[in-house]
C-alpha atoms as a PDB file:
ATOM      1  CA  MET A   1    -184.191  49.645  12.741  1.00  0.00           C
ATOM      2  CA  ILE A   2    -182.066  48.411  15.701  1.00  0.00           C
ATOM      3  CA  ARG A   3    -179.651  50.674  13.882  1.00  0.00           C
ATOM      4  CA  LEU A   4    -181.714  53.409  14.359  1.00  0.00           C
ATOM      5  CA  VAL A   5    -182.817  52.542  17.787  1.00  0.00           C
ATOM      6  CA  PHE A   6    -178.789  52.188  18.329  1.00  0.00           C
ATOM      7  CA  LEU A   7    -178.123  55.402  16.577  1.00  0.00           C
ATOM      8  CA  VAL A   8    -181.372  57.731  18.089  1.00  0.00           C
ATOM      9  CA  THR A   9    -180.121  56.066  21.792  1.00  0.00           C
ATOM     10  CA  LEU A  10    -176.172  57.456  21.056  1.00  0.00           C
ATOM     11  CA  ILE A  11    -177.463  60.898  19.880  1.00  0.00           C
ATOM     12  CA  ALA A  12    -179.975  61.070  22.849  1.00  0.00           C
ATOM     13  CA  GLY A  13    -176.878  59.993  25.124  1.00  0.00           C
ATOM     14  CA  LEU A  14    -175.451  62.836  23.716  1.00  0.00           C
ATOM     15  CA  ALA A  15    -177.872  65.370  23.490  1.00  0.00           C
ATOM     16  CA  SER A  16    -176.727  67.029  26.955  1.00  0.00           C
ATOM     17  CA  SER A  17    -173.478  67.658  25.347  1.00  0.00           C
ATOM     18  CA  HIS A  18    -172.471  70.609  22.906  1.00  0.00           C
ATOM     19  CA  ASP A  19    -174.421  70.286  19.657  1.00  0.00           C
ATOM     20  CA  PRO A  20    -172.928  73.660  17.412  1.00  0.00           C
ATOM     21  CA  LEU A  21    -174.358  72.200  14.026  1.00  0.00           C
ATOM     22  CA  ARG A  22    -177.510  71.204  15.672  1.00  0.00           C
ATOM     23  CA  ILE A  23    -177.266  67.283  13.823  1.00  0.00           C
ATOM     24  CA  LYS A  24    -178.102  65.602  17.216  1.00  0.00           C
ATOM     25  CA  LYS A  25    -182.322  65.116  15.955  1.00  0.00           C
ATOM     26  CA  PRO A  26    -183.851  62.276  15.856  1.00  0.00           C
ATOM     27  CA  THR A  27    -185.235  63.740  12.266  1.00  0.00           C
ATOM     28  CA  LYS A  28    -181.094  63.765  11.262  1.00  0.00           C
ATOM     29  CA  ALA A  29    -179.877  60.577  12.486  1.00  0.00           C
ATOM     30  CA  LYS A  30    -180.731  58.478   9.409  1.00  0.00           C
ATOM     31  CA  HIS A  31    -178.956  60.572   7.136  1.00  0.00           C
ATOM     32  CA  ILE A  32    -175.831  60.937   9.354  1.00  0.00           C
ATOM     33  CA  GLU A  33    -175.938  57.061   9.479  1.00  0.00           C
ATOM     34  CA  MET A  34    -176.231  56.805   5.266  1.00  0.00           C
ATOM     35  CA  ILE A  35    -173.242  58.904   4.779  1.00  0.00           C
ATOM     36  CA  VAL A  36    -170.946  57.556   6.913  1.00  0.00           C
ATOM     37  CA  GLU A  37    -171.866  54.292   6.541  1.00  0.00           C
ATOM     38  CA  TYR A  38    -171.648  54.752   2.361  1.00  0.00           C
ATOM     39  CA  ALA A  39    -168.421  56.865   3.205  1.00  0.00           C
ATOM     40  CA  GLU A  40    -166.953  53.829   5.238  1.00  0.00           C
ATOM     41  CA  LYS A  41    -167.940  51.144   2.322  1.00  0.00           C
ATOM     42  CA  ASN A  42    -166.623  53.027  -0.736  1.00  0.00           C
ATOM     43  CA  ASN A  43    -162.870  54.635   1.252  1.00  0.00           C
ATOM     44  CA  HIS A  44    -164.253  58.352   1.569  1.00  0.00           C
ATOM     45  CA  ASP A  45    -164.324  60.422   4.325  1.00  0.00           C
ATOM     46  CA  PRO A  46    -167.413  60.610   6.703  1.00  0.00           C
ATOM     47  CA  TYR A  47    -166.302  63.809   8.013  1.00  0.00           C
ATOM     48  CA  GLU A  48    -165.764  65.353   4.883  1.00  0.00           C
ATOM     49  CA  LEU A  49    -169.041  64.098   3.079  1.00  0.00           C
ATOM     50  CA  LEU A  50    -170.921  65.116   6.405  1.00  0.00           C
ATOM     51  CA  ALA A  51    -169.630  69.085   6.378  1.00  0.00           C
ATOM     52  CA  ILE A  52    -170.429  69.371   3.077  1.00  0.00           C
ATOM     53  CA  ALA A  53    -174.327  68.167   3.580  1.00  0.00           C
ATOM     54  CA  ILE A  54    -174.278  70.084   6.614  1.00  0.00           C
ATOM     55  CA  THR A  55    -173.085  72.977   4.878  1.00  0.00           C
ATOM     56  CA  GLU A  56    -175.202  72.427   1.413  1.00  0.00           C
ATOM     57  CA  SER A  57    -178.912  71.750   3.052  1.00  0.00           C
ATOM     58  CA  ASN A  58    -178.136  71.226   7.041  1.00  0.00           C
ATOM     59  CA  LEU A  59    -179.387  67.483   6.350  1.00  0.00           C
ATOM     60  CA  LYS A  60    -182.455  68.383   4.968  1.00  0.00           C
ATOM     61  CA  PRO A  61    -183.244  65.616   2.225  1.00  0.00           C
ATOM     62  CA  LYS A  62    -186.015  67.955   0.399  1.00  0.00           C
ATOM     63  CA  ALA A  63    -183.884  70.911   0.370  1.00  0.00           C
ATOM     64  CA  VAL A  64    -184.462  73.245  -2.958  1.00  0.00           C
ATOM     65  CA  SER A  65    -182.340  76.247  -3.448  1.00  0.00           C
ATOM     66  CA  ARG A  66    -183.513  79.461  -5.260  1.00  0.00           C
ATOM     67  CA  PHE A  67    -181.082  78.604  -7.892  1.00  0.00           C
ATOM     68  CA  GLY A  68    -182.333  74.450  -8.310  1.00  0.00           C
ATOM     69  CA  ALA A  69    -180.246  73.307  -5.941  1.00  0.00           C
ATOM     70  CA  ILE A  70    -181.734  69.813  -4.731  1.00  0.00           C
ATOM     71  CA  GLY A  71    -181.376  67.684  -1.490  1.00  0.00           C
ATOM     72  CA  LEU A  72    -178.537  66.389   1.050  1.00  0.00           C
ATOM     73  CA  PHE A  73    -175.961  67.837  -1.263  1.00  0.00           C
ATOM     74  CA  GLN A  74    -177.667  70.308  -3.438  1.00  0.00           C
ATOM     75  CA  VAL A  75    -177.079  68.968  -6.615  1.00  0.00           C
ATOM     76  CA  MET A  76    -177.950  70.633 -10.005  1.00  0.00           C
ATOM     77  CA  CYS A  77    -179.218  68.527 -12.151  1.00  0.00           C
ATOM     78  CA  LYS A  78    -179.108  71.479 -15.130  1.00  0.00           C
ATOM     79  CA  TYR A  79    -175.501  70.962 -14.945  1.00  0.00           C
ATOM     80  CA  TRP A  80    -175.270  67.100 -13.679  1.00  0.00           C
ATOM     81  CA  TYR A  81    -178.325  65.536 -15.530  1.00  0.00           C
ATOM     82  CA  GLU A  82    -176.489  63.530 -18.178  1.00  0.00           C
ATOM     83  CA  PRO A  83    -173.182  62.624 -16.263  1.00  0.00           C
ATOM     84  CA  LEU A  84    -175.300  61.058 -13.998  1.00  0.00           C
ATOM     85  CA  LYS A  85    -177.279  59.504 -16.696  1.00  0.00           C
ATOM     86  CA  TYR A  86    -180.573  60.934 -16.497  1.00  0.00           C
ATOM     87  CA  LYS A  87    -182.775  61.790 -19.653  1.00  0.00           C
ATOM     88  CA  SER A  88    -184.106  65.102 -18.446  1.00  0.00           C
ATOM     89  CA  ILE A  89    -183.565  67.691 -15.698  1.00  0.00           C
ATOM     90  CA  LYS A  90    -187.226  66.537 -14.975  1.00  0.00           C
ATOM     91  CA  GLU A  91    -186.068  63.550 -14.392  1.00  0.00           C
ATOM     92  CA  CYS A  92    -182.863  63.782 -12.300  1.00  0.00           C
ATOM     93  CA  ASN A  93    -184.471  66.655  -9.909  1.00  0.00           C
ATOM     94  CA  LYS A  94    -187.071  63.830  -9.044  1.00  0.00           C
ATOM     95  CA  ALA A  95    -184.589  61.544  -8.668  1.00  0.00           C
ATOM     96  CA  LEU A  96    -182.543  63.560  -6.521  1.00  0.00           C
ATOM     97  CA  PHE A  97    -184.670  64.097  -3.565  1.00  0.00           C
ATOM     98  CA  ASP A  98    -184.108  60.601  -2.709  1.00  0.00           C
ATOM     99  CA  PRO A  99    -181.288  60.778  -0.069  1.00  0.00           C
ATOM    100  CA  GLN A 100    -179.501  57.980  -0.915  1.00  0.00           C
ATOM    101  CA  THR A 101    -179.338  58.721  -4.849  1.00  0.00           C
ATOM    102  CA  ASN A 102    -178.883  62.390  -3.673  1.00  0.00           C
ATOM    103  CA  MET A 103    -176.040  61.641  -1.500  1.00  0.00           C
ATOM    104  CA  LYS A 104    -174.001  59.558  -4.348  1.00  0.00           C
ATOM    105  CA  ALA A 105    -174.819  62.262  -6.893  1.00  0.00           C
ATOM    106  CA  GLY A 106    -173.021  64.997  -4.472  1.00  0.00           C
ATOM    107  CA  ILE A 107    -170.226  62.429  -4.174  1.00  0.00           C
ATOM    108  CA  LEU A 108    -169.541  61.732  -8.168  1.00  0.00           C
ATOM    109  CA  VAL A 109    -169.886  65.892  -8.245  1.00  0.00           C
ATOM    110  CA  LEU A 110    -166.866  66.200  -6.268  1.00  0.00           C
ATOM    111  CA  THR A 111    -165.059  63.343  -7.343  1.00  0.00           C
ATOM    112  CA  THR A 112    -165.339  64.372 -10.914  1.00  0.00           C
ATOM    113  CA  TYR A 113    -164.239  67.968 -10.240  1.00  0.00           C
ATOM    114  CA  ARG A 114    -160.942  66.468  -7.864  1.00  0.00           C
ATOM    115  CA  ASN A 115    -159.846  63.698 -10.592  1.00  0.00           C
ATOM    116  CA  LYS A 116    -160.727  66.092 -13.959  1.00  0.00           C
ATOM    117  CA  TYR A 117    -159.761  69.774 -12.957  1.00  0.00           C
ATOM    118  CA  LYS A 118    -155.753  70.444 -11.253  1.00  0.00           C
ATOM    119  CA  GLN A 119    -157.973  74.074  -9.975  1.00  0.00           C
ATOM    120  CA  CYS A 120    -159.897  71.470  -7.934  1.00  0.00           C
ATOM    121  CA  LYS A 121    -157.840  69.271  -6.168  1.00  0.00           C
ATOM    122  CA  GLY A 122    -157.928  68.732  -2.446  1.00  0.00           C
ATOM    123  CA  ASP A 123    -159.447  71.427  -0.895  1.00  0.00           C
ATOM    124  CA  LEU A 124    -160.203  73.344  -3.587  1.00  0.00           C
ATOM    125  CA  ALA A 125    -163.081  71.045  -4.612  1.00  0.00           C
ATOM    126  CA  TYR A 126    -164.778  72.650  -2.475  1.00  0.00           C
ATOM    127  CA  ARG A 127    -164.662  75.775  -4.465  1.00  0.00           C
ATOM    128  CA  CYS A 128    -165.723  73.828  -7.464  1.00  0.00           C
ATOM    129  CA  TYR A 129    -168.729  71.936  -5.687  1.00  0.00           C
ATOM    130  CA  PHE A 130    -169.725  75.383  -5.217  1.00  0.00           C
ATOM    131  CA  ALA A 131    -168.898  77.600  -8.496  1.00  0.00           C
ATOM    132  CA  GLY A 132    -167.809  75.255 -11.042  1.00  0.00           C
ATOM    133  CA  GLN A 133    -164.304  74.126 -12.461  1.00  0.00           C
ATOM    134  CA  ASN A 134    -164.332  77.713 -13.439  1.00  0.00           C
ATOM    135  CA  TRP A 135    -164.381  79.492  -9.643  1.00  0.00           C
ATOM    136  CA  GLN A 136    -161.302  81.611 -10.660  1.00  0.00           C
ATOM    137  CA  ARG A 137    -163.012  83.398 -13.448  1.00  0.00           C
ATOM    138  CA  HIS A 138    -165.485  85.252 -11.054  1.00  0.00           C
ATOM    139  CA  ASN A 139    -165.170  88.467 -10.605  1.00  0.00           C
ATOM    140  CA  ALA A 140    -163.621  89.554  -6.764  1.00  0.00           C
ATOM    141  CA  ARG A 141    -167.266  90.185  -5.064  1.00  0.00           C
ATOM    142  CA  VAL A 142    -167.944  86.446  -6.201  1.00  0.00           C
ATOM    143  CA  ILE A 143    -164.703  84.960  -5.481  1.00  0.00           C
ATOM    144  CA  ARG A 144    -165.001  86.080  -2.124  1.00  0.00           C
ATOM    145  CA  LYS A 145    -168.412  83.784  -1.285  1.00  0.00           C
ATOM    146  CA  ILE A 146    -166.854  80.753  -2.933  1.00  0.00           C
ATOM    147  CA  VAL A 147    -164.097  81.366  -0.760  1.00  0.00           C
ATOM    148  CA  ARG A 148    -166.546  81.900   2.624  1.00  0.00           C
ATOM    149  CA  TYR A 149    -168.512  78.334   1.095  1.00  0.00           C
ATOM    150  CA  GLU A 150    -164.872  76.815   0.965  1.00  0.00           C
ATOM    151  CA  ASN A 151    -163.929  77.935   5.058  1.00  0.00           C
ATOM    152  CA  LYS A 152    -167.515  76.853   5.911  1.00  0.00           C
ATOM    153  CA  VAL A 153    -167.180  73.340   4.955  1.00  0.00           C
ATOM    154  CA  LYS A 154    -163.926  73.202   6.551  1.00  0.00           C
ATOM    155  CA  GLU A 155    -164.926  75.003   9.380  1.00  0.00           C
ATOM    156  CA  ASN A 156    -167.627  72.472   9.833  1.00  0.00           C
ATOM    157  CA  ARG A 157    -165.638  69.249   9.277  1.00  0.00           C
ATOM    158  CA  GLY A 158    -163.649  70.720  11.894  1.00  0.00           C
ATOM    159  CA  VAL A 159    -166.623  70.889  14.209  1.00  0.00           C
ATOM    160  CA  LEU A 160    -167.395  67.321  13.128  1.00  0.00           C
ATOM    161  CA  HIS A 161    -164.059  66.333  14.604  1.00  0.00           C
ATOM    162  CA  LYS A 162    -163.997  68.271  17.715  1.00  0.00           C
ATOM    163  CA  TYR A 163    -168.223  67.586  18.915  1.00  0.00           C
ATOM    164  CA  TYR A 164    -169.210  64.423  16.980  1.00  0.00           C
ATOM    165  CA  GLU A 165    -166.250  62.158  16.231  1.00  0.00           C
ATOM    166  CA  SER A 166    -167.664  59.775  19.036  1.00  0.00           C
ATOM    167  CA  LEU A 167    -170.755  59.780  17.189  1.00  0.00           C
ATOM    168  CA  ILE A 168    -169.374  59.435  13.960  1.00  0.00           C
ATOM    169  CA  GLU A 169    -166.714  56.616  15.247  1.00  0.00           C
ATOM    170  CA  ASN A 170    -169.329  54.864  16.897  1.00  0.00           C
ATOM    171  CA  ILE A 171    -171.369  54.620  13.513  1.00  0.00           C
ATOM    172  CA  ARG A 172    -168.242  53.257  11.459  1.00  0.00           C
ATOM    173  CA  ALA A 173    -167.192  50.846  14.375  1.00  0.00           C
ATOM    174  CA  ASN A 174    -171.050  49.295  14.225  1.00  0.00           C
ATOM    175  CA  PHE A 175    -171.396  49.372  10.744  1.00  0.00           C
ATOM    176  CA  ARG A 176    -167.874  47.592  10.563  1.00  0.00           C
ATOM    177  CA  SER A 177    -168.862  44.886  13.057  1.00  0.00           C
ATOM    178  CA  ARG A 178    -172.001  44.077  11.130  1.00  0.00           C
ATOM    179  CA  SER A 179    -169.574  43.851   7.872  1.00  0.00           C
END
């Protein structure tokens, strides 16, 4: 509870500053903190993870796309339920409404693509995250959408560095001091 009060106070203090991603709402604070702390604990880039979650769901844990992608990281259970060790798509969909479970699933998807496919290395992993490892086999119109998605994630990552670095670094420092 003290951590949440700290975060809400920090966000409120920054409320007068520019908020281009509109993430300084108290309802989003716990998800930002969860993602940054998980990234810190597991050696991931918190800016990248936040950029993906913002691009995918605008940090809305109950988001469901018209294609069936679920939660903060918009994971599609029809493709990932087995690697995520669920017995069925239905069981996976239900579980992924939990923000922490969804975050871990999204990170597994991202790291699986990066580690397993050469066409998904580095920032190309965003293309794979959006369209799968065979993203380059789509027609030109779809590839333009895939590239727009990649650029949006990179843009959001840059905006996070520019406008929210003090917020993110304060969460990281607060987490380190507790560890």
